[in-house]
Protein backbone atom coordinates (compact mmCIF):
# COMPACT_ATOMS: atom_id res chain seq x y z
CA MET A 1 93.54 13.70 53.22
CA ARG A 2 93.42 15.44 49.87
CA GLN A 3 92.94 12.11 48.17
CA LEU A 4 89.92 11.34 50.44
CA VAL A 5 88.27 14.69 49.71
CA SER A 6 88.91 14.19 46.01
CA ARG A 7 87.18 10.82 46.13
CA LEU A 8 84.16 12.23 48.01
CA HIS A 9 83.65 14.96 45.43
CA THR A 10 83.98 12.62 42.52
CA VAL A 11 80.55 11.78 41.14
CA ARG A 12 80.41 8.25 39.96
CA GLU A 13 78.33 7.79 36.84
CA VAL A 14 75.59 5.28 37.54
CA PRO A 15 74.60 3.26 34.49
CA ARG A 16 71.05 4.03 33.34
CA PRO A 17 68.72 1.05 33.51
CA THR A 18 67.69 -0.38 30.16
CA VAL A 19 64.31 -1.97 29.41
CA PRO A 20 64.75 -5.55 28.31
CA LEU A 21 63.81 -6.17 24.72
CA LEU A 22 61.53 -9.02 25.83
CA VAL A 23 59.33 -6.60 27.81
CA VAL A 24 59.05 -4.34 24.78
CA ALA A 25 58.09 -7.26 22.59
CA LEU A 26 55.43 -8.45 25.06
CA ALA A 27 53.96 -4.97 25.33
CA ALA A 28 53.79 -4.66 21.56
CA ALA A 29 52.14 -8.06 21.25
CA SER A 30 49.59 -7.18 23.92
CA ALA A 31 48.74 -3.90 22.21
CA SER A 32 48.34 -5.76 18.92
CA ARG A 33 45.95 -8.27 20.51
CA VAL A 34 43.88 -5.47 22.03
CA ALA A 35 43.70 -3.71 18.68
CA ARG A 36 42.62 -6.90 16.91
CA ALA A 37 39.98 -7.59 19.58
CA ALA A 38 38.63 -4.07 19.27
CA GLU A 39 38.52 -4.45 15.49
CA ALA A 40 36.83 -7.87 15.71
CA ALA A 41 34.19 -6.82 18.24
CA PRO A 42 30.98 -5.96 16.37
CA SER A 43 29.55 -2.48 16.76
CA PRO A 44 26.15 -2.01 18.42
CA ALA A 45 24.67 -1.34 14.99
CA ALA A 46 26.19 -4.54 13.55
CA THR A 47 24.82 -6.53 16.50
CA LEU A 48 21.38 -4.93 16.10
CA PHE A 49 21.32 -5.83 12.40
CA ALA A 50 22.41 -9.38 13.12
CA GLU A 51 19.75 -9.89 15.80
CA ARG A 52 16.82 -8.01 14.32
CA CYS A 53 17.31 -7.81 10.55
CA SER A 54 19.51 -10.65 9.26
CA THR A 55 16.71 -13.21 9.44
CA CYS A 56 15.18 -11.53 6.37
CA HIS A 57 17.95 -9.39 4.85
CA ASN A 58 21.49 -9.79 3.58
CA LEU A 59 24.19 -7.19 3.03
CA GLY A 60 25.75 -8.43 -0.18
CA GLY A 61 24.57 -12.04 0.02
CA GLY A 62 21.57 -11.67 -2.28
CA VAL A 63 17.81 -11.56 -1.82
CA LYS A 64 16.47 -13.40 1.22
CA VAL A 65 12.94 -13.11 2.64
CA GLY A 66 13.33 -9.40 1.89
CA PRO A 67 15.64 -7.40 -0.39
CA ASP A 68 19.42 -7.30 -0.12
CA LEU A 69 20.25 -4.06 1.71
CA LEU A 70 23.74 -3.58 0.30
CA GLY A 71 23.82 -0.11 -1.25
CA VAL A 72 20.48 0.91 0.25
CA ILE A 73 22.05 4.25 1.25
CA LYS A 74 22.35 5.06 -2.46
CA ARG A 75 18.78 4.03 -3.27
CA ARG A 76 16.89 5.60 -0.35
CA THR A 77 17.20 8.57 1.98
CA LYS A 78 17.73 8.11 5.71
CA ASP A 79 14.50 9.96 6.45
CA TRP A 80 12.54 7.55 4.26
CA PHE A 81 14.28 4.58 5.86
CA ARG A 82 13.52 5.87 9.36
CA LYS A 83 9.82 6.27 8.61
CA PHE A 84 9.48 3.01 6.72
CA VAL A 85 11.33 0.77 9.16
CA ARG A 86 9.16 1.98 12.04
CA GLY A 87 5.91 1.32 10.20
CA PRO A 88 6.16 -0.69 6.96
CA SER A 89 2.48 -1.67 6.88
CA ALA A 90 1.43 1.92 7.51
CA ALA A 91 3.61 3.08 4.60
CA ILE A 92 2.14 0.41 2.31
CA ASP A 93 -1.44 1.21 3.29
CA ALA A 94 -0.79 4.95 2.89
CA GLY A 95 0.23 4.41 -0.74
CA ASP A 96 3.95 5.12 -0.46
CA PRO A 97 5.15 4.20 -3.99
CA VAL A 98 8.45 2.64 -2.87
CA ALA A 99 6.78 0.68 -0.06
CA ALA A 100 4.08 -0.51 -2.46
CA GLN A 101 6.71 -1.62 -4.98
CA LEU A 102 8.59 -3.57 -2.31
CA TYR A 103 5.39 -5.24 -1.12
CA LYS A 104 4.50 -6.20 -4.69
CA ALA A 105 7.93 -7.80 -5.10
CA PHE A 106 7.88 -9.73 -1.81
CA GLN A 107 4.16 -10.27 -1.09
CA PRO A 108 2.43 -11.69 0.85
CA VAL A 109 5.20 -11.04 3.39
CA ARG A 110 5.08 -7.69 5.18
CA MET A 111 8.01 -6.48 7.24
CA PRO A 112 7.20 -6.20 10.98
CA ASP A 113 7.38 -2.76 12.59
CA GLN A 114 10.79 -2.05 14.10
CA PRO A 115 10.55 0.63 16.83
CA LEU A 116 14.13 1.86 16.45
CA THR A 117 15.27 4.99 18.25
CA ASP A 118 16.83 7.85 16.30
CA ALA A 119 20.25 6.81 17.62
CA GLU A 120 19.70 3.21 16.45
CA VAL A 121 18.57 4.41 13.01
CA ASP A 122 21.69 6.58 12.72
CA GLY A 123 23.88 3.69 13.81
CA VAL A 124 22.35 1.19 11.37
CA TRP A 125 22.53 3.73 8.54
CA GLY A 126 26.21 4.23 9.27
CA TYR A 127 26.67 0.44 9.33
CA PHE A 128 25.01 0.22 5.90
CA ALA A 129 27.41 2.88 4.61
CA ASP A 130 30.41 1.00 5.98
CA CYS A 131 29.23 -2.28 4.44
CA THR A 132 28.64 -0.55 1.11
CA ASP A 133 32.25 0.70 1.13
CA LYS A 134 33.48 -2.82 1.95
CA GLY A 135 31.33 -4.45 -0.72
CA GLY A 136 29.26 -6.42 1.83
CA CYS A 137 29.11 -7.63 5.42
CA VAL A 138 28.47 -10.95 7.12
CA PRO A 139 26.12 -10.74 10.16
CA ALA A 140 28.06 -10.63 13.41
CA PRO A 141 28.02 -13.85 15.48
CA SER A 142 26.45 -13.54 18.91
CA GLY A 143 27.17 -16.56 21.10
CA PRO A 144 24.45 -19.24 21.40
CA ARG A 145 22.15 -20.14 18.52
CA TRP A 146 19.48 -17.64 17.61
CA GLY A 147 15.86 -18.39 16.89
CA THR A 148 16.60 -17.62 13.25
CA ASP A 149 19.05 -20.55 13.23
CA ALA A 150 16.32 -23.07 14.11
CA THR A 151 15.84 -25.99 11.76
CA ALA A 152 12.50 -26.75 10.12
CA GLU A 153 12.03 -29.60 12.60
CA GLU A 154 12.64 -27.27 15.56
CA VAL A 155 10.17 -24.71 14.19
CA THR A 156 7.53 -27.44 13.82
CA ARG A 157 8.20 -28.65 17.35
CA GLY A 158 7.94 -25.10 18.65
CA ARG A 159 4.56 -24.69 16.98
CA ASP A 160 3.34 -27.95 18.52
CA LEU A 161 4.59 -26.90 21.97
CA PHE A 162 2.95 -23.50 21.62
CA ALA A 163 -0.38 -25.03 20.59
CA GLY A 164 -0.34 -27.76 23.24
CA GLN A 165 -0.15 -30.52 20.64
CA ARG A 166 3.04 -31.65 22.37
CA ARG A 167 3.41 -31.52 26.14
CA LEU A 168 6.18 -29.56 27.82
CA ALA A 169 8.66 -31.85 29.56
CA ARG A 170 8.03 -30.43 33.05
CA GLY A 171 4.28 -30.14 32.77
CA GLY A 172 3.86 -26.41 32.20
CA ALA A 173 0.78 -25.00 30.47
CA PRO A 174 0.98 -24.52 26.68
CA CYS A 175 1.65 -20.97 25.51
CA PHE A 176 -1.64 -20.59 23.67
CA ALA A 177 -3.52 -20.86 26.97
CA CYS A 178 -2.65 -17.19 27.47
CA HIS A 179 -1.28 -16.00 24.11
CA ALA A 180 -2.41 -15.86 20.51
CA VAL A 181 -0.41 -15.69 17.28
CA ARG A 182 -1.19 -15.37 13.62
CA GLY A 183 -1.55 -18.78 12.00
CA ASP A 184 1.36 -20.41 10.19
CA GLY A 185 0.09 -19.16 6.85
CA ALA A 186 -1.88 -15.93 7.03
CA ALA A 187 -2.95 -16.40 3.43
CA GLN A 188 -4.61 -19.71 4.33
CA GLY A 189 -6.16 -18.20 7.45
CA GLU A 190 -4.79 -20.92 9.70
CA GLN A 191 -5.24 -20.31 13.42
CA LEU A 192 -3.77 -22.21 16.31
CA GLY A 193 -6.19 -23.98 18.56
CA LEU A 194 -9.98 -23.96 18.41
CA MET A 195 -10.20 -20.18 18.77
CA GLY A 196 -6.67 -19.10 17.90
CA GLY A 197 -5.23 -18.81 21.41
CA GLY A 198 -5.88 -16.93 24.63
CA THR A 199 -5.91 -13.23 25.35
CA LEU A 200 -4.69 -13.18 28.95
CA GLY A 201 -1.25 -12.24 27.62
CA PRO A 202 -0.14 -10.22 24.57
CA ASN A 203 -0.26 -11.51 21.01
CA LEU A 204 3.17 -12.99 20.27
CA THR A 205 3.17 -12.85 16.47
CA PHE A 206 5.88 -10.18 16.44
CA ALA A 207 7.52 -10.98 19.78
CA TYR A 208 10.82 -11.96 18.15
CA ALA A 209 10.91 -8.86 15.94
CA ARG A 210 10.01 -6.61 18.89
CA LEU A 211 12.28 -8.09 21.57
CA GLY A 212 15.11 -9.45 19.46
CA GLU A 213 17.29 -12.39 20.39
CA LYS A 214 18.70 -10.74 23.51
CA GLY A 215 15.26 -9.76 24.76
CA LEU A 216 13.36 -12.99 24.12
CA THR A 217 16.00 -15.48 25.27
CA PRO A 218 15.99 -14.44 28.97
CA VAL A 219 12.17 -14.25 29.00
CA LEU A 220 11.91 -17.90 27.94
CA ALA A 221 14.75 -18.96 30.24
CA GLN A 222 13.56 -17.15 33.37
CA MET A 223 9.80 -16.75 32.78
CA SER A 224 10.30 -13.27 34.17
CA THR A 225 6.79 -11.78 34.05
CA PRO A 226 4.58 -12.17 37.16
CA VAL A 227 1.97 -14.30 35.36
CA MET A 228 4.59 -16.54 33.77
CA GLN A 229 6.33 -17.00 37.11
CA ALA A 230 3.03 -18.11 38.66
CA VAL A 231 2.19 -20.50 35.84
CA TYR A 232 5.66 -22.00 35.38
CA ALA A 233 6.92 -22.00 38.97
CA GLY A 234 8.78 -25.28 39.34
CA ALA A 235 8.20 -26.11 35.68
CA PRO A 236 10.74 -24.11 33.62
CA LEU A 237 11.26 -24.82 29.95
CA GLU A 238 14.02 -27.20 28.92
CA ALA A 239 16.79 -25.70 26.79
CA ASP A 240 15.63 -27.50 23.64
CA GLU A 241 12.05 -26.32 24.25
CA GLN A 242 13.25 -22.73 24.56
CA MET A 243 15.09 -23.05 21.25
CA ALA A 244 12.09 -24.61 19.51
CA LEU A 245 9.68 -21.91 20.73
CA LYS A 246 12.18 -19.19 19.87
CA GLY A 247 12.54 -20.64 16.38
CA TYR A 248 8.78 -20.77 15.92
CA LEU A 249 8.33 -17.15 17.02
CA ALA A 250 11.21 -16.10 14.75
CA SER A 251 9.49 -17.78 11.80
CA LEU A 252 6.25 -15.92 12.55
CA ALA A 253 8.05 -12.57 12.80
CA ARG A 254 9.41 -12.86 9.27
CA ASP A 255 6.00 -11.76 7.98
CA GLY A 256 4.67 -8.42 9.21
CA THR A 257 1.08 -9.10 8.15
CA ARG A 258 -1.15 -8.16 11.05
CA PRO A 259 -2.89 -11.01 12.92
CA ARG A 260 -6.67 -11.04 13.04
CA ARG A 261 -8.41 -8.71 15.46
CA GLU A 262 -9.14 -10.42 18.75
CA ARG A 263 -12.73 -11.45 19.23
CA ASP A 264 -14.76 -13.54 21.62
CA PHE A 265 -12.61 -12.17 24.46
CA PHE A 266 -14.83 -13.69 27.14
CA PHE A 267 -14.74 -17.19 25.68
CA LEU A 268 -11.05 -17.02 24.83
CA GLY A 269 -10.32 -15.93 28.38
CA LEU A 270 -12.35 -18.83 29.78
CA GLU A 271 -10.49 -21.24 27.51
CA GLY A 272 -7.12 -19.91 28.61
CA MET A 273 -7.94 -19.88 32.31
CA GLY A 274 -9.33 -23.41 32.06
CA LEU A 275 -6.08 -24.68 30.57
CA VAL A 276 -3.99 -22.88 33.18
CA LEU A 277 -6.10 -24.24 36.06
CA GLY A 278 -5.94 -27.68 34.50
CA ALA A 279 -2.15 -27.50 34.42
CA PHE A 280 -2.07 -26.47 38.10
CA THR A 281 -4.34 -29.38 39.02
CA LEU A 282 -2.25 -31.87 37.06
CA ARG A 283 0.98 -30.66 38.67
CA SER A 284 -0.50 -30.78 42.17
CA ARG A 285 -1.51 -34.40 41.64
CA VAL A 286 1.95 -35.29 40.37
CA ARG A 287 3.59 -33.61 43.38
CA ARG A 288 1.36 -35.38 45.93
CA THR A 289 3.44 -37.78 48.01
CA PRO A 290 2.43 -41.48 48.27
CA GLY A 291 1.79 -41.19 52.03
CA THR A 292 -0.56 -38.24 51.84
CA ASP A 293 -3.74 -40.26 51.33
CA LYS A 294 -2.85 -42.63 54.19
CA GLU A 295 -2.29 -39.76 56.58
CA ARG A 296 -5.68 -38.29 55.73
CA SER A 297 -7.44 -41.59 56.24
């Protein structure tokens, strides 16, 4: 009996479970992958620069359409940058000495207005500082090709599609039926179409600079505005047409020179509406079934 009680009161030491070394190794590897992914993911400011600025500017890669911005934080103040980037033409016309010097160096190209928020300006300025410390930055990749990646042939095709000199594959109306842009060369005064384009929709000269890659791509893919949905219902743009038009608009946005003031609104509106109605008529004829005429007779 004493032996039984002694056994009951004896506490057996249970071995403590050990974590297998394999689990530890896997956890460490996973944490390392997460850290690398976080480090590789571009910041919002880096993405903004890549989408809105890299078409004209480098950060350590030399002069492009505009100046190389590496070290700009040492040459300019953030307050000056904020004011200039929001209204380059206004700064030039107001006689800002730095803006005038930049325009003299890169004329006739004027930088388009960039309506950045205060938070975006702060973020981009911080990105410039980081790139200056690193000695340069390469624009962050962002999935599918951008309009700024378009070849010269694609830009030319986009211009022809915009002007109606080349038909859209699915029969939609050309862009200049409702929109105008500055001509290919503002210095030569070129204008698209007989009167430069329609005025039913906004002028698209700076559409790429204003909307950016992420803003313009879904507009062309989905035709998301009410008027565009009515005009292009059943006739969306092909993927290569979207790229060509995007490339053409990106090429226009490289120069911030203002397009001509709209004139002859009445006649431009008639021209645009005539082209749109003509496209509707053409599509209705194409859609008519072979047996329709027989049924009516």
